Amino acid sequence: MTRTQVYLPPGHHRALRREARERGISLTELVRRLVADHVEARGGLPAVGKEAVLAFVALGHGGRADVSERHDEALDEALRAGAVR
């Protein structure tokens, strides 16, 4: 995850804190969920192209011994790091 700082008007901040408290989650988690809902409503995140996935397979030894068990995490890590283009 990437840390992001957001400035909110006091009324919005209070309303979000109240809603988070009512849901039994942190303010941070509430904001994450609201952002995720917004992104999904606008069509979601762009799909990763076939070439990027196939390039990941061809990366060779990446230093991780558990790639076969945790391939989703390894792929996400490689895509975020820009190792796959």
N, C-alpha and C. Protein backbone atom coordinates (compact mmCIF):
# COMPACT_ATOMS: atom_id res chain seq x y z
N MET A 1 0.84 -1.19 0.00
CA MET A 1 0.00 0.00 0.00
C MET A 1 0.88 1.24 0.00
N THR A 2 0.31 2.30 -0.49
CA THR A 2 1.00 3.58 -0.54
C THR A 2 0.34 4.53 0.45
N ARG A 3 1.16 5.18 1.24
CA ARG A 3 0.63 6.14 2.21
C ARG A 3 0.27 7.43 1.49
N THR A 4 -0.93 7.94 1.81
CA THR A 4 -1.41 9.17 1.20
C THR A 4 -2.00 10.06 2.28
N GLN A 5 -1.70 11.32 2.24
CA GLN A 5 -2.24 12.27 3.20
C GLN A 5 -3.33 13.09 2.51
N VAL A 6 -4.48 13.21 3.17
CA VAL A 6 -5.61 13.92 2.60
C VAL A 6 -6.11 14.94 3.62
N TYR A 7 -6.36 16.15 3.17
CA TYR A 7 -6.93 17.19 4.03
C TYR A 7 -8.43 17.25 3.78
N LEU A 8 -9.22 17.18 4.85
CA LEU A 8 -10.67 17.20 4.76
C LEU A 8 -11.23 18.37 5.56
N PRO A 9 -12.35 18.91 5.11
CA PRO A 9 -13.02 19.92 5.93
C PRO A 9 -13.43 19.27 7.26
N PRO A 10 -13.42 20.02 8.35
CA PRO A 10 -13.74 19.44 9.66
C PRO A 10 -15.06 18.67 9.71
N GLY A 11 -16.09 19.17 9.06
CA GLY A 11 -17.38 18.48 9.06
C GLY A 11 -17.32 17.12 8.39
N HIS A 12 -16.60 17.04 7.28
CA HIS A 12 -16.45 15.76 6.59
C HIS A 12 -15.66 14.79 7.46
N HIS A 13 -14.60 15.28 8.08
CA HIS A 13 -13.78 14.43 8.94
C HIS A 13 -14.60 13.87 10.09
N ARG A 14 -15.39 14.72 10.73
CA ARG A 14 -16.25 14.25 11.84
C ARG A 14 -17.24 13.20 11.35
N ALA A 15 -17.86 13.46 10.20
CA ALA A 15 -18.86 12.52 9.68
C ALA A 15 -18.22 11.17 9.35
N LEU A 16 -17.04 11.19 8.77
CA LEU A 16 -16.35 9.94 8.44
C LEU A 16 -15.92 9.20 9.70
N ARG A 17 -15.41 9.92 10.68
CA ARG A 17 -15.03 9.28 11.95
C ARG A 17 -16.24 8.64 12.61
N ARG A 18 -17.37 9.33 12.59
CA ARG A 18 -18.60 8.80 13.18
C ARG A 18 -19.03 7.52 12.45
N GLU A 19 -19.01 7.57 11.11
CA GLU A 19 -19.40 6.38 10.33
C GLU A 19 -18.46 5.21 10.59
N ALA A 20 -17.17 5.48 10.64
CA ALA A 20 -16.19 4.41 10.92
C ALA A 20 -16.45 3.79 12.29
N ARG A 21 -16.72 4.64 13.26
CA ARG A 21 -17.00 4.15 14.62
C ARG A 21 -18.26 3.28 14.61
N GLU A 22 -19.31 3.72 13.90
CA GLU A 22 -20.55 2.96 13.82
C GLU A 22 -20.34 1.60 13.16
N ARG A 23 -19.45 1.55 12.17
CA ARG A 23 -19.17 0.30 11.46
C ARG A 23 -18.18 -0.58 12.22
N GLY A 24 -17.52 0.00 13.21
CA GLY A 24 -16.53 -0.75 13.97
C GLY A 24 -15.22 -0.95 13.22
N ILE A 25 -14.87 0.03 12.36
CA ILE A 25 -13.62 -0.03 11.60
C ILE A 25 -12.87 1.28 11.79
N SER A 26 -11.63 1.29 11.37
CA SER A 26 -10.84 2.52 11.48
C SER A 26 -11.25 3.50 10.39
N LEU A 27 -10.93 4.76 10.61
CA LEU A 27 -11.16 5.79 9.61
C LEU A 27 -10.40 5.44 8.33
N THR A 28 -9.19 4.95 8.48
CA THR A 28 -8.38 4.57 7.32
C THR A 28 -9.07 3.48 6.50
N GLU A 29 -9.59 2.46 7.18
CA GLU A 29 -10.28 1.38 6.47
C GLU A 29 -11.53 1.90 5.77
N LEU A 30 -12.25 2.78 6.40
CA LEU A 30 -13.44 3.36 5.77
C LEU A 30 -13.05 4.11 4.49
N VAL A 31 -12.00 4.91 4.56
CA VAL A 31 -11.56 5.66 3.38
C VAL A 31 -11.12 4.70 2.28
N ARG A 32 -10.39 3.63 2.63
CA ARG A 32 -9.99 2.63 1.64
C ARG A 32 -11.21 2.05 0.94
N ARG A 33 -12.23 1.70 1.72
CA ARG A 33 -13.44 1.10 1.15
C ARG A 33 -14.18 2.09 0.25
N LEU A 34 -14.24 3.35 0.67
CA LEU A 34 -14.90 4.36 -0.14
C LEU A 34 -14.16 4.56 -1.47
N VAL A 35 -12.84 4.58 -1.41
CA VAL A 35 -12.06 4.73 -2.64
C VAL A 35 -12.24 3.52 -3.53
N ALA A 36 -12.21 2.32 -2.96
CA ALA A 36 -12.41 1.09 -3.74
C ALA A 36 -13.77 1.10 -4.41
N ASP A 37 -14.81 1.50 -3.67
CA ASP A 37 -16.16 1.58 -4.25
C ASP A 37 -16.19 2.56 -5.42
N HIS A 38 -15.53 3.71 -5.24
CA HIS A 38 -15.48 4.73 -6.30
C HIS A 38 -14.78 4.19 -7.54
N VAL A 39 -13.63 3.56 -7.35
CA VAL A 39 -12.87 3.03 -8.48
C VAL A 39 -13.68 1.95 -9.20
N GLU A 40 -14.31 1.06 -8.47
CA GLU A 40 -15.13 0.01 -9.08
C GLU A 40 -16.30 0.60 -9.85
N ALA A 41 -16.94 1.63 -9.29
CA ALA A 41 -18.08 2.26 -9.95
C ALA A 41 -17.68 2.91 -11.27
N ARG A 42 -16.41 3.29 -11.38
CA ARG A 42 -15.92 3.94 -12.62
C ARG A 42 -15.27 2.95 -13.56
N GLY A 43 -15.51 1.67 -13.34
CA GLY A 43 -15.00 0.66 -14.28
C GLY A 43 -13.82 -0.14 -13.77
N GLY A 44 -13.41 0.09 -12.55
CA GLY A 44 -12.31 -0.70 -11.98
C GLY A 44 -10.95 -0.28 -12.46
N LEU A 45 -9.97 -1.05 -12.03
CA LEU A 45 -8.59 -0.80 -12.42
C LEU A 45 -8.35 -1.39 -13.80
N PRO A 46 -7.44 -0.81 -14.56
CA PRO A 46 -7.16 -1.36 -15.88
C PRO A 46 -6.61 -2.78 -15.77
N ALA A 47 -6.99 -3.62 -16.69
CA ALA A 47 -6.51 -5.00 -16.69
C ALA A 47 -5.04 -5.05 -17.07
N VAL A 48 -4.35 -6.02 -16.52
CA VAL A 48 -2.94 -6.24 -16.87
C VAL A 48 -2.92 -7.02 -18.17
N GLY A 49 -2.14 -6.57 -19.11
CA GLY A 49 -2.07 -7.21 -20.41
C GLY A 49 -1.41 -8.58 -20.38
N LYS A 50 -1.75 -9.39 -21.35
CA LYS A 50 -1.21 -10.74 -21.47
C LYS A 50 0.32 -10.71 -21.55
N GLU A 51 0.86 -9.73 -22.27
CA GLU A 51 2.31 -9.63 -22.42
C GLU A 51 2.99 -9.42 -21.07
N ALA A 52 2.37 -8.62 -20.20
CA ALA A 52 2.96 -8.36 -18.89
C ALA A 52 3.00 -9.63 -18.05
N VAL A 53 1.94 -10.41 -18.12
CA VAL A 53 1.90 -11.65 -17.35
C VAL A 53 2.93 -12.63 -17.89
N LEU A 54 3.01 -12.75 -19.21
CA LEU A 54 3.98 -13.67 -19.80
C LEU A 54 5.42 -13.21 -19.53
N ALA A 55 5.65 -11.91 -19.51
CA ALA A 55 6.98 -11.39 -19.20
C ALA A 55 7.37 -11.73 -17.77
N PHE A 56 6.40 -11.73 -16.88
CA PHE A 56 6.66 -12.09 -15.48
C PHE A 56 7.17 -13.52 -15.39
N VAL A 57 6.56 -14.40 -16.16
CA VAL A 57 6.97 -15.81 -16.15
C VAL A 57 8.42 -15.92 -16.59
N ALA A 58 8.86 -15.04 -17.49
CA ALA A 58 10.21 -15.12 -18.04
C ALA A 58 11.24 -14.33 -17.24
N LEU A 59 10.88 -13.85 -16.08
CA LEU A 59 11.83 -13.04 -15.29
C LEU A 59 13.02 -13.84 -14.81
N GLY A 60 12.84 -15.14 -14.65
CA GLY A 60 13.94 -15.96 -14.16
C GLY A 60 13.98 -15.95 -12.65
N HIS A 61 15.13 -16.23 -12.08
CA HIS A 61 15.27 -16.32 -10.63
C HIS A 61 15.10 -14.95 -10.00
N GLY A 62 14.11 -14.84 -9.15
CA GLY A 62 13.83 -13.55 -8.53
C GLY A 62 14.21 -13.48 -7.07
N GLY A 63 14.82 -14.52 -6.55
CA GLY A 63 15.24 -14.49 -5.16
C GLY A 63 14.21 -15.00 -4.18
N ARG A 64 13.03 -15.34 -4.67
CA ARG A 64 11.98 -15.85 -3.79
C ARG A 64 11.87 -17.35 -3.99
N ALA A 65 11.94 -18.09 -2.91
CA ALA A 65 11.83 -19.55 -2.99
C ALA A 65 10.39 -20.01 -2.97
N ASP A 66 9.45 -19.14 -2.62
CA ASP A 66 8.05 -19.55 -2.43
C ASP A 66 7.13 -19.09 -3.56
N VAL A 67 7.68 -18.78 -4.72
CA VAL A 67 6.87 -18.23 -5.81
C VAL A 67 5.78 -19.21 -6.22
N SER A 68 6.05 -20.49 -6.22
CA SER A 68 5.02 -21.44 -6.65
C SER A 68 3.82 -21.43 -5.72
N GLU A 69 4.03 -21.17 -4.44
CA GLU A 69 2.91 -21.11 -3.50
C GLU A 69 2.29 -19.72 -3.43
N ARG A 70 3.07 -18.68 -3.65
CA ARG A 70 2.59 -17.31 -3.47
C ARG A 70 2.76 -16.50 -4.75
N HIS A 71 2.42 -17.10 -5.88
CA HIS A 71 2.64 -16.47 -7.18
C HIS A 71 1.84 -15.18 -7.35
N ASP A 72 0.63 -15.10 -6.77
CA ASP A 72 -0.16 -13.87 -6.90
C ASP A 72 0.57 -12.69 -6.25
N GLU A 73 1.12 -12.93 -5.06
CA GLU A 73 1.85 -11.86 -4.37
C GLU A 73 3.11 -11.48 -5.14
N ALA A 74 3.81 -12.49 -5.67
CA ALA A 74 5.04 -12.21 -6.42
C ALA A 74 4.75 -11.42 -7.69
N LEU A 75 3.65 -11.77 -8.38
CA LEU A 75 3.27 -11.04 -9.58
C LEU A 75 2.90 -9.60 -9.25
N ASP A 76 2.11 -9.42 -8.19
CA ASP A 76 1.73 -8.08 -7.77
C ASP A 76 2.98 -7.25 -7.43
N GLU A 77 3.90 -7.86 -6.71
CA GLU A 77 5.14 -7.19 -6.32
C GLU A 77 5.93 -6.76 -7.56
N ALA A 78 6.03 -7.65 -8.54
CA ALA A 78 6.79 -7.34 -9.75
C ALA A 78 6.13 -6.24 -10.55
N LEU A 79 4.80 -6.29 -10.65
CA LEU A 79 4.08 -5.26 -11.41
C LEU A 79 4.22 -3.90 -10.74
N ARG A 80 4.08 -3.86 -9.42
CA ARG A 80 4.19 -2.59 -8.70
C ARG A 80 5.60 -2.02 -8.77
N ALA A 81 6.61 -2.88 -8.80
CA ALA A 81 7.99 -2.42 -8.85
C ALA A 81 8.42 -2.01 -10.25
N GLY A 82 7.56 -2.27 -11.23
CA GLY A 82 7.89 -1.91 -12.59
C GLY A 82 8.82 -2.91 -13.26
N ALA A 83 8.98 -4.09 -12.64
CA ALA A 83 9.85 -5.12 -13.23
C ALA A 83 9.24 -5.72 -14.48
N VAL A 84 7.93 -5.57 -14.61
CA VAL A 84 7.23 -6.09 -15.77
C VAL A 84 6.64 -4.90 -16.51
N ARG A 85 6.92 -4.80 -17.79
CA ARG A 85 6.39 -3.69 -18.60
C ARG A 85 5.78 -4.21 -19.88
